[in-house]
């Protein structure tokens, strides 16, 4: 008698794997690549794991799959025109699936994601920029509505008496039918005199 297959799936394993890889990277254990980054004379080196970089970045995947075997166990990749802080944030993102950056750096993170062909980071930056834009648009809409209500509040008092004036008769001696006066109104008064 055959038993039915069952699925064994861990919800925590991907997070645990990322956390462990990040710890290995931070300690410099099992790193097989050094990424050298230079921007306007500022240079830094980042030890990392080829497998993690290749799995998260098409740029690194192409580099590693096309590299010639080297004498040592560790290879080097040089990136020019990438800011050190941005690459450090990129590495943190690919190893943890999250990174905290200032709002004004989101565009730069999107640019590095596109340069390194990291789809997850590109999508994350795009979504965040979309949320930021929607937030700004909502603030502008609220500001515009509050300005309109303030303008209406200042113009209503001057327009309301004019509207009321149109409804009131201009000459108080003129009576309208239905208010106890005859339809002749002023003509009847002038005959009496």
Protein backbone atom coordinates (compact mmCIF):
# COMPACT_ATOMS: atom_id res chain seq x y z
CA UNK A 1 0.00 0.00 0.00
CA UNK A 2 1.42 3.36 -1.13
CA UNK A 3 1.10 6.47 1.02
CA UNK A 4 0.29 9.86 -0.42
CA UNK A 5 3.10 12.39 -0.67
CA UNK A 6 2.99 15.31 1.74
CA UNK A 7 4.69 18.68 1.49
CA UNK A 8 7.25 19.62 4.09
CA UNK A 9 7.78 23.36 3.82
CA UNK A 10 9.55 25.71 6.18
CA UNK A 11 8.39 29.30 6.40
CA UNK A 12 11.43 30.29 8.46
CA UNK A 13 14.14 28.56 6.42
CA UNK A 14 14.60 31.32 3.80
CA UNK A 15 14.94 33.96 6.52
CA UNK A 16 17.27 31.75 8.55
CA UNK A 17 19.38 31.06 5.47
CA UNK A 18 19.70 34.77 4.69
CA UNK A 19 20.55 35.60 8.30
CA UNK A 20 23.24 32.92 8.40
CA UNK A 21 24.74 34.05 5.08
CA UNK A 22 24.80 37.64 6.35
CA UNK A 23 26.62 36.54 9.52
CA UNK A 24 29.15 34.57 7.46
CA UNK A 25 29.72 37.62 5.24
CA UNK A 26 30.11 40.01 8.17
CA UNK A 27 32.64 37.67 9.77
CA UNK A 28 34.44 37.12 6.44
CA UNK A 29 33.86 33.37 6.54
CA UNK A 30 33.63 31.35 3.33
CA UNK A 31 33.72 34.52 1.20
CA UNK A 32 35.02 33.75 -2.26
CA UNK A 33 34.90 37.19 -3.88
CA UNK A 34 35.99 40.70 -2.99
CA UNK A 35 34.10 43.54 -4.59
CA UNK A 36 36.18 46.71 -4.81
CA UNK A 37 34.11 49.87 -5.13
CA UNK A 38 35.46 53.28 -6.02
CA UNK A 39 33.72 56.63 -6.43
CA UNK A 40 35.49 60.00 -6.65
CA UNK A 41 38.61 58.74 -4.92
CA UNK A 42 36.76 56.94 -2.13
CA UNK A 43 37.45 53.22 -2.25
CA UNK A 44 36.31 50.25 -0.18
CA UNK A 45 36.47 46.47 -0.43
CA UNK A 46 33.59 44.16 0.41
CA UNK A 47 34.04 40.42 0.93
CA UNK A 48 31.03 38.44 -0.27
CA UNK A 49 29.82 35.09 -1.59
CA UNK A 50 29.63 34.53 -5.32
CA UNK A 51 26.55 32.35 -4.99
CA UNK A 52 24.59 35.05 -3.14
CA UNK A 53 25.64 37.80 -5.55
CA UNK A 54 24.95 35.64 -8.61
CA UNK A 55 21.55 34.61 -7.28
CA UNK A 56 20.47 38.21 -6.67
CA UNK A 57 22.18 40.12 -9.47
CA UNK A 58 22.25 39.27 -13.17
CA UNK A 59 25.32 41.48 -13.50
CA UNK A 60 27.30 39.40 -11.00
CA UNK A 61 25.91 36.16 -12.43
CA UNK A 62 27.25 37.08 -15.88
CA UNK A 63 30.62 38.12 -14.42
CA UNK A 64 31.08 34.92 -12.42
CA UNK A 65 29.87 32.56 -15.12
CA UNK A 66 32.19 34.17 -17.67
CA UNK A 67 35.30 34.56 -15.52
CA UNK A 68 38.38 32.52 -16.21
CA UNK A 69 39.70 30.25 -13.49
CA UNK A 70 42.14 32.12 -11.27
CA UNK A 71 45.09 30.88 -9.28
CA UNK A 72 43.61 31.70 -5.86
CA UNK A 73 40.35 30.62 -4.28
CA UNK A 74 39.13 34.21 -4.19
CA UNK A 75 38.35 36.47 -7.14
CA UNK A 76 38.03 40.24 -7.35
CA UNK A 77 35.44 42.42 -9.04
CA UNK A 78 35.99 46.14 -9.55
CA UNK A 79 33.09 48.59 -9.70
CA UNK A 80 33.75 52.20 -10.63
CA UNK A 81 31.27 55.03 -10.20
CA UNK A 82 29.41 53.28 -7.37
CA UNK A 83 29.33 55.04 -4.03
CA UNK A 84 30.63 53.04 -1.10
CA UNK A 85 27.52 53.68 1.04
CA UNK A 86 25.24 52.62 -1.81
CA UNK A 87 27.08 49.36 -2.42
CA UNK A 88 27.09 48.61 1.32
CA UNK A 89 23.30 49.14 1.30
CA UNK A 90 23.00 46.96 -1.80
CA UNK A 91 24.90 44.14 -0.06
CA UNK A 92 22.76 44.45 3.04
CA UNK A 93 19.63 44.21 0.89
CA UNK A 94 20.75 41.12 -1.05
CA UNK A 95 21.80 39.36 2.15
CA UNK A 96 18.79 40.33 4.28
CA UNK A 97 16.03 41.32 1.81
CA UNK A 98 15.78 44.69 3.58
CA UNK A 99 17.78 47.86 4.08
CA UNK A 100 17.08 51.24 5.60
CA UNK A 101 18.18 54.27 3.60
CA UNK A 102 17.40 57.97 3.62
CA UNK A 103 14.57 59.07 1.33
CA UNK A 104 16.94 61.06 -0.86
CA UNK A 105 19.02 57.91 -1.51
CA UNK A 106 16.14 55.84 -2.89
CA UNK A 107 16.80 57.10 -6.43
CA UNK A 108 20.49 56.20 -6.15
CA UNK A 109 19.55 52.74 -4.85
CA UNK A 110 17.26 52.31 -7.85
CA UNK A 111 20.15 53.30 -10.14
CA UNK A 112 22.56 50.81 -8.54
CA UNK A 113 19.87 48.11 -8.72
CA UNK A 114 19.49 48.76 -12.43
CA UNK A 115 23.24 48.90 -12.98
CA UNK A 116 23.75 45.58 -11.18
CA UNK A 117 20.55 44.12 -12.63
CA UNK A 118 19.03 43.30 -9.25
CA UNK A 119 15.33 42.89 -9.98
CA UNK A 120 14.23 42.57 -6.33
CA UNK A 121 15.90 45.82 -5.31
CA UNK A 122 14.64 47.60 -8.43
CA UNK A 123 11.07 46.53 -7.69
CA UNK A 124 11.38 47.49 -4.02
CA UNK A 125 12.75 50.96 -4.88
CA UNK A 126 10.09 51.47 -7.54
CA UNK A 127 7.30 50.56 -5.12
CA UNK A 128 8.72 52.86 -2.44
CA UNK A 129 9.07 55.75 -4.90
CA UNK A 130 5.47 55.16 -5.98
CA UNK A 131 4.30 55.29 -2.34
CA UNK A 132 6.34 58.44 -1.74
CA UNK A 133 4.83 60.09 -4.83
CA UNK A 134 1.30 59.09 -3.81
CA UNK A 135 1.96 60.53 -0.35
CA UNK A 136 3.17 63.82 -1.82
CA UNK A 137 0.18 63.97 -4.17
CA UNK A 138 -2.18 63.33 -1.25
CA UNK A 139 -0.52 66.11 0.75
CA UNK A 140 -0.85 68.47 -2.22
CA UNK A 141 -4.49 67.53 -2.65
CA UNK A 142 -5.19 68.11 1.05
CA UNK A 143 -3.34 71.44 0.91
CA UNK A 144 -5.29 72.47 -2.19
CA UNK A 145 -8.59 71.51 -0.58
CA UNK A 146 -7.74 73.44 2.58
CA UNK A 147 -6.78 76.48 0.46
CA UNK A 148 -10.05 76.23 -1.47
CA UNK A 149 -12.10 76.00 1.72
CA UNK A 150 -10.24 79.01 3.18
CA UNK A 151 -10.89 81.00 -0.02
CA UNK A 152 -14.56 80.01 0.01
CA UNK A 153 -14.77 81.00 3.67
CA UNK A 154 -13.42 84.49 2.93
CA UNK A 155 -15.53 85.08 -0.18
CA UNK A 156 -18.86 83.75 1.12
CA UNK A 157 -19.61 86.59 3.55
CA UNK A 158 -19.25 89.18 0.76
CA UNK A 159 -21.36 87.20 -1.71
CA UNK A 160 -24.14 86.18 0.68
CA UNK A 161 -25.46 89.71 1.30
CA UNK A 162 -25.52 90.28 -2.45
CA UNK A 163 -27.60 87.15 -2.90
CA UNK A 164 -29.91 88.24 -0.11
CA UNK A 165 -30.17 91.70 -1.67
CA UNK A 166 -31.45 90.15 -4.88
CA UNK A 167 -34.24 88.49 -2.94
CA UNK A 168 -35.27 91.64 -1.02
CA UNK A 169 -37.24 94.34 -2.82
CA UNK A 170 -35.25 97.47 -3.64
CA UNK A 171 -37.99 99.91 -2.66
CA UNK A 172 -39.58 99.11 0.68
CA UNK A 173 -42.71 100.99 -0.31
CA UNK A 174 -43.37 98.42 -3.03
CA UNK A 175 -45.45 95.58 -1.68
CA UNK A 176 -45.67 92.30 -3.47
CA UNK A 177 -48.84 90.37 -4.02
CA UNK A 178 -49.56 87.88 -1.32
CA UNK A 179 -48.20 90.17 1.42
CA UNK A 180 -51.53 91.95 2.03
CA UNK A 181 -51.20 94.51 -0.79
CA UNK A 182 -53.19 94.86 -3.95
CA UNK A 183 -51.71 93.88 -7.29
CA UNK A 184 -51.63 97.54 -8.31
CA UNK A 185 -49.08 98.35 -5.58
CA UNK A 186 -47.50 101.76 -6.31
CA UNK A 187 -50.19 102.78 -8.78
CA UNK A 188 -52.87 102.49 -6.11
CA UNK A 189 -50.88 104.66 -3.69
CA UNK A 190 -50.34 107.40 -6.24
CA UNK A 191 -54.10 107.56 -7.00
CA UNK A 192 -54.83 108.00 -3.32
CA UNK A 193 -52.61 111.04 -3.15
